[in-house]
Structures are given as C-alpha cells and as structure tokens.
Protein backbone atom coordinates (compact mmCIF):
# COMPACT_ATOMS: atom_id res chain seq x y z
CA UNK A 1 -22.80 24.00 -9.39
CA UNK A 2 -19.08 25.10 -7.23
CA UNK A 3 -16.45 22.42 -8.65
CA UNK A 4 -15.75 19.15 -6.31
CA UNK A 5 -12.40 19.02 -4.54
CA UNK A 6 -10.10 16.24 -5.79
CA UNK A 7 -9.11 14.40 -2.90
CA UNK A 8 -6.53 12.83 -2.38
CA UNK A 9 -6.16 10.24 0.16
CA UNK A 10 -2.31 8.26 0.40
CA UNK A 11 -2.43 5.19 2.71
CA UNK A 12 -0.30 3.15 4.83
CA UNK A 13 -0.28 0.35 6.75
CA UNK A 14 -2.48 1.56 9.28
CA UNK A 15 -5.61 2.15 7.58
CA UNK A 16 -4.94 -2.21 7.26
CA UNK A 17 -4.51 -2.89 10.64
CA UNK A 18 -7.85 -3.26 11.66
CA UNK A 19 -8.47 -6.10 8.52
CA UNK A 20 -5.03 -8.14 10.58
CA UNK A 21 -3.23 -7.24 8.30
CA UNK A 22 0.04 -5.95 11.25
CA UNK A 23 2.14 -3.22 9.95
CA UNK A 24 6.25 -2.82 9.73
CA UNK A 25 6.76 -0.24 11.62
CA UNK A 26 4.28 0.82 14.31
CA UNK A 27 5.62 -0.43 18.27
CA UNK A 28 4.26 -4.05 17.29
CA UNK A 29 5.54 -3.85 13.70
CA UNK A 30 7.22 -6.93 12.30
CA UNK A 31 10.41 -5.69 11.31
CA UNK A 32 10.36 -5.22 15.40
CA UNK A 33 9.69 -8.22 16.03
CA UNK A 34 11.54 -10.35 14.02
CA UNK A 35 14.44 -8.42 12.11
CA UNK A 36 14.91 -11.10 10.16
CA UNK A 37 12.20 -11.23 8.35
CA UNK A 38 13.39 -7.71 6.41
CA UNK A 39 15.69 -9.85 4.64
CA UNK A 40 12.81 -12.23 2.75
CA UNK A 41 11.22 -8.88 0.79
CA UNK A 42 15.21 -7.48 -0.04
CA UNK A 43 15.44 -7.97 -3.71
CA UNK A 44 19.62 -8.91 -3.12
CA UNK A 45 18.83 -11.79 -0.39
CA UNK A 46 15.99 -13.17 -2.31
CA UNK A 47 17.42 -13.40 -5.41
CA UNK A 48 20.77 -15.36 -4.87
CA UNK A 49 19.66 -17.42 -1.56
CA UNK A 50 17.20 -20.47 -2.26
CA UNK A 51 16.79 -21.20 1.03
CA UNK A 52 15.55 -17.08 1.63
CA UNK A 53 13.27 -17.69 -1.45
CA UNK A 54 11.96 -20.62 0.02
CA UNK A 55 10.94 -18.93 2.90
CA UNK A 56 9.79 -15.90 1.34
CA UNK A 57 7.01 -18.41 -0.38
CA UNK A 58 6.36 -19.80 3.51
CA UNK A 59 5.84 -16.41 4.39
CA UNK A 60 3.32 -15.81 1.72
CA UNK A 61 1.22 -18.67 1.78
CA UNK A 62 0.84 -17.75 5.76
CA UNK A 63 0.49 -13.95 4.60
CA UNK A 64 -2.54 -11.92 6.23
CA UNK A 65 -3.39 -9.82 3.46
CA UNK A 66 -4.04 -12.44 1.31
CA UNK A 67 -7.00 -13.56 3.27
CA UNK A 68 -7.93 -10.12 4.83
CA UNK A 69 -10.91 -7.86 3.82
CA UNK A 70 -11.51 -4.21 3.85
CA UNK A 71 -12.79 -2.70 6.83
CA UNK A 72 -14.45 0.64 7.78
CA UNK A 73 -11.56 2.24 6.51
CA UNK A 74 -11.70 1.24 2.78
CA UNK A 75 -15.18 1.47 2.76
CA UNK A 76 -15.69 4.86 3.42
CA UNK A 77 -13.02 5.90 0.81
CA UNK A 78 -14.52 3.81 -1.42
CA UNK A 79 -18.07 5.64 -0.67
CA UNK A 80 -16.70 8.37 -0.91
CA UNK A 81 -15.74 7.78 -4.28
CA UNK A 82 -19.09 6.89 -5.34
CA UNK A 83 -20.56 10.32 -3.83
CA UNK A 84 -19.52 11.26 -7.05
CA UNK A 85 -16.27 13.94 -5.19
CA UNK A 86 -13.29 12.81 -7.25
CA UNK A 87 -10.66 10.66 -5.56
CA UNK A 88 -7.96 8.90 -5.88
CA UNK A 89 -5.63 6.70 -3.86
CA UNK A 90 -2.39 6.50 -3.48
CA UNK A 91 -1.87 3.58 -1.35
CA UNK A 92 2.47 2.28 0.54
CA UNK A 93 0.05 -1.42 0.61
CA UNK A 94 0.24 -4.12 -1.66
CA UNK A 95 -2.88 -6.14 -0.40
CA UNK A 96 -4.99 -4.67 -2.60
CA UNK A 97 -7.95 -4.02 -0.13
CA UNK A 98 -8.75 -1.02 -1.46
CA UNK A 99 -10.04 -2.62 -4.86
CA UNK A 100 -11.88 -4.73 -3.05
CA UNK A 101 -14.33 -2.57 -1.27
CA UNK A 102 -15.33 -0.61 -4.05
CA UNK A 103 -12.22 1.56 -5.14
CA UNK A 104 -12.37 1.22 -8.75
CA UNK A 105 -8.38 -0.40 -10.42
CA UNK A 106 -8.03 2.50 -12.33
CA UNK A 107 -7.97 5.31 -9.21
CA UNK A 108 -5.96 3.16 -7.03
CA UNK A 109 -1.77 4.27 -7.18
CA UNK A 110 0.13 1.13 -5.20
CA UNK A 111 3.42 2.74 -5.25
CA UNK A 112 4.95 -1.19 -3.78
CA UNK A 113 2.97 -3.24 -6.14
CA UNK A 114 -0.03 -5.54 -5.26
CA UNK A 115 0.93 -9.55 -3.83
CA UNK A 116 -1.78 -10.71 -5.55
CA UNK A 117 0.10 -11.15 -8.27
CA UNK A 118 3.88 -12.77 -8.80
CA UNK A 119 6.50 -11.22 -11.86
CA UNK A 120 9.53 -13.01 -12.85
CA UNK A 121 12.43 -11.15 -12.85
CA UNK A 122 13.54 -13.03 -16.11
CA UNK A 123 11.19 -12.69 -18.71
CA UNK A 124 8.94 -10.17 -16.77
CA UNK A 125 6.00 -13.01 -17.32
CA UNK A 126 2.84 -11.90 -14.34
CA UNK A 127 0.47 -14.42 -12.97
CA UNK A 128 -1.71 -14.90 -9.87
CA UNK A 129 -0.91 -15.84 -6.60
CA UNK A 130 -2.64 -17.89 -6.24
CA UNK A 131 -2.23 -19.95 -8.73
CA UNK A 132 2.06 -19.55 -7.59
CA UNK A 133 1.20 -20.73 -3.24
CA UNK A 134 -1.55 -23.73 -5.18
CA UNK A 135 2.15 -24.94 -6.96
CA UNK A 136 3.66 -23.89 -3.46
CA UNK A 137 1.59 -26.87 -1.63
CA UNK A 138 1.81 -28.99 -4.51
CA UNK A 139 5.58 -29.27 -3.22
CA UNK A 140 7.30 -26.62 -5.33
CA UNK A 141 9.17 -24.77 -2.70
CA UNK A 142 10.68 -22.31 -4.68
CA UNK A 143 8.33 -22.36 -8.15
CA UNK A 144 10.40 -21.42 -11.49
CA UNK A 145 8.58 -19.25 -13.84
CA UNK A 146 6.72 -21.87 -16.52
CA UNK A 147 7.54 -19.86 -19.30
CA UNK A 148 11.56 -19.51 -18.83
CA UNK A 149 12.03 -20.88 -15.99
CA UNK A 150 13.62 -17.64 -14.18
CA UNK A 151 13.52 -17.08 -10.35
CA UNK A 152 9.64 -15.51 -9.87
CA UNK A 153 8.32 -13.40 -6.89
CA UNK A 154 5.07 -11.09 -5.38
CA UNK A 155 4.64 -7.68 -8.31
CA UNK A 156 5.72 -6.15 -4.96
CA UNK A 157 9.00 -3.30 -4.49
CA UNK A 158 11.27 -4.56 -2.20
CA UNK A 159 14.05 -3.84 -0.88
CA UNK A 160 16.73 -2.57 -3.04
CA UNK A 161 14.51 -2.50 -6.14
CA UNK A 162 13.33 1.34 -6.88
CA UNK A 163 9.51 1.59 -7.46
CA UNK A 164 7.50 2.26 -11.13
CA UNK A 165 9.05 5.91 -12.11
CA UNK A 166 5.47 6.21 -13.85
CA UNK A 167 3.21 5.10 -10.67
CA UNK A 168 5.28 7.46 -8.74
CA UNK A 169 5.04 9.90 -11.80
CA UNK A 170 0.75 9.82 -11.26
CA UNK A 171 1.42 9.91 -7.69
CA UNK A 172 3.28 13.03 -7.81
CA UNK A 173 1.45 14.60 -10.68
CA UNK A 174 -2.18 13.84 -7.91
CA UNK A 175 -0.30 15.33 -4.93
CA UNK A 176 0.06 18.63 -7.02
CA UNK A 177 -3.04 18.64 -8.22
CA UNK A 178 -5.48 18.07 -5.77
CA UNK A 179 -7.10 20.19 -2.75
CA UNK A 180 -7.83 17.85 -0.54
CA UNK A 181 -4.28 15.48 0.90
CA UNK A 182 -5.79 12.88 3.26
CA UNK A 183 -2.30 10.63 4.81
CA UNK A 184 -3.95 7.98 6.41
CA UNK A 185 -2.07 5.60 8.39
CA UNK A 186 1.21 6.59 6.98
CA UNK A 187 4.69 7.38 8.77
CA UNK A 188 5.26 9.59 6.58
CA UNK A 189 8.48 8.21 6.85
CA UNK A 190 9.34 6.55 3.74
CA UNK A 191 10.86 7.82 1.15
CA UNK A 192 9.81 9.04 -1.62
CA UNK A 193 6.06 8.13 -0.87
CA UNK A 194 6.62 10.09 2.42
CA UNK A 195 7.27 12.91 0.25
CA UNK A 196 3.41 13.66 -1.73
CA UNK A 197 2.47 15.10 1.50
CA UNK A 198 4.41 18.29 1.48
CA UNK A 199 4.08 18.14 -1.94
CA UNK A 200 0.81 18.57 -1.05
CA UNK A 201 0.99 21.18 1.59
CA UNK A 202 3.42 22.90 -1.06
CA UNK A 203 0.86 22.94 -3.52
CA UNK A 204 -1.66 24.48 -1.77
CA UNK A 205 -4.04 21.89 -0.73
CA UNK A 206 -5.06 21.12 2.53
CA UNK A 207 -3.26 18.76 4.62
CA UNK A 208 -4.59 16.35 7.02
CA UNK A 209 -2.91 13.08 8.81
CA UNK A 210 -4.63 10.44 10.07
CA UNK A 211 -2.13 8.73 12.37
CA UNK A 212 -1.58 7.41 15.38
CA UNK A 213 2.08 8.22 15.80
CA UNK A 214 3.78 12.01 14.96
CA UNK A 215 5.20 11.85 12.07
CA UNK A 216 7.31 13.77 10.46
CA UNK A 217 5.08 16.09 8.37
CA UNK A 218 3.02 17.41 11.34
CA UNK A 219 4.00 20.64 11.38
CA UNK A 220 2.72 21.43 7.95
CA UNK A 221 -0.62 19.73 7.98
CA UNK A 222 -3.99 21.48 8.43
CA UNK A 223 -4.76 19.30 10.78
CA UNK A 224 -3.23 16.29 12.34
CA UNK A 225 -5.46 13.13 13.96
CA UNK A 226 -5.03 11.20 16.56
CA UNK A 227 -7.98 8.71 16.91
CA UNK A 228 -8.26 4.70 15.83
CA UNK A 229 -8.56 4.79 12.39
CA UNK A 230 -11.70 2.83 11.74
CA UNK A 231 -13.12 5.32 13.03
CA UNK A 232 -11.86 8.38 12.57
CA UNK A 233 -11.94 8.17 8.97
CA UNK A 234 -14.49 7.32 7.97
CA UNK A 235 -16.18 10.46 9.54
CA UNK A 236 -14.07 12.57 8.08
CA UNK A 237 -14.70 11.34 5.16
CA UNK A 238 -18.66 11.44 5.42
CA UNK A 239 -18.12 15.42 6.37
CA UNK A 240 -16.49 15.70 3.59
CA UNK A 241 -19.18 13.86 1.72
CA UNK A 242 -21.88 17.20 2.37
C-alpha cells in the first residue's frame, strides 16, 4: 500500500471569515477600518498604557472570535484528518476553531497563540479567557494576575513580541517534510509564517494557495485557487481523500 502523503495546511484569517470573524488586512479588514485598533494588540502600548489595556479588555469581551463556530472549511480539514491521511495544521489564527471542529490539538500549531487563554506577563501563570472576562464583567476593567498581581494579557503573540521559537521550529520542520502544502486564507505577507510556503516548495512539496487576493508566493505555487474558501477548500480536500 502506497504511503499516504503528509498534508500541511497553513491557515490565515480568511478561513475564519465565514464564521463571522473579520480579517485584518483585507479590503474591509480591521486595520483598515480602525488603525487605532492595532495599538490594542501592540505589546509596548499594552504594557505601558492602562487605558490601552482597559480598551483591550473591552475588545476581547466583544470579540466575535470567542463566540464563533467552525465553518465548512474548518470541518473539511478535520474530516480529512479522520480519513487517516496525516494532516498538520499550522495556523496564524488565534480563534481555536480548528480544534473545535475536531482537529486534535496536538496536530495544530498556533503560531500566534490563542485568544482562549490569558497569561501573566509577570509570573507566566495561565488561565482561561472566560474566567478573565467574568472579572471584567464584574467591574475589573484591567484585572491583575491573582497569583502575583502582574499584568494579564491574552495568550496571543502581540505586535512587538517574537513568535514562540519551539512552535516556529516545529512548523518549519513540517514545511520541509510535507508532500502537499496548502496555504488557505492567508495573504502570505506576515513573516516568518509566510516563508513556510516557500520552504515547502523548495523542499519539493506541491504548493496550493487558496486565497481571494494575490500573494507573494503565487508564482511558486503549483495551483492557485481564487474561489470562495468555504466551497473551494472542502472540494480540494475531498479530492485528496480519494
């Protein structure tokens, strides 16, 4: 029996727009609509300005990401994994929707962390975002760490923070080892995540890009799909499964 190919899927914000989560850099992206919003997720601003932190907690409370449900694209990825084909997801998203859709957490690398947890910038203690938001709702505009009194933040990688080197190293190893690399819903403009597409292609993987807008890696791709992700990705993954 032929060995099944390792399929790596790099997912960006575009895979979650059908779940009601706006992207950041698209024509109607958050950063274009409200440039000031970028300060709320910039580490230096966040750590130095209590007002920014209070606004950040309000943004988290109102975030669509924490109330969203997986869409057809997330479910298709999980269904492909259940066929027995080896699948690894490398995601730029912090919404946790791949896991909610059924992908085993150990097979999902979250390059930018998760919005579903909080971490203390002082002692490193982690707790759930739900618990922190309950404190905000109860009147704590900028809840401190219960262990050390330090500043809490979402367990995401903010602008100005480096990626986790271990997670990035695992992602690079997958990009080098996979036979098929699918970049979906990513502008492929944010480094070093975007470079994974090029690394995969250089190591002989079939590179497929599913994205509405052109990306810097289109000329390296074996196939570029501009169709809506919610229909295009499930169709592509069904082909792979058979």
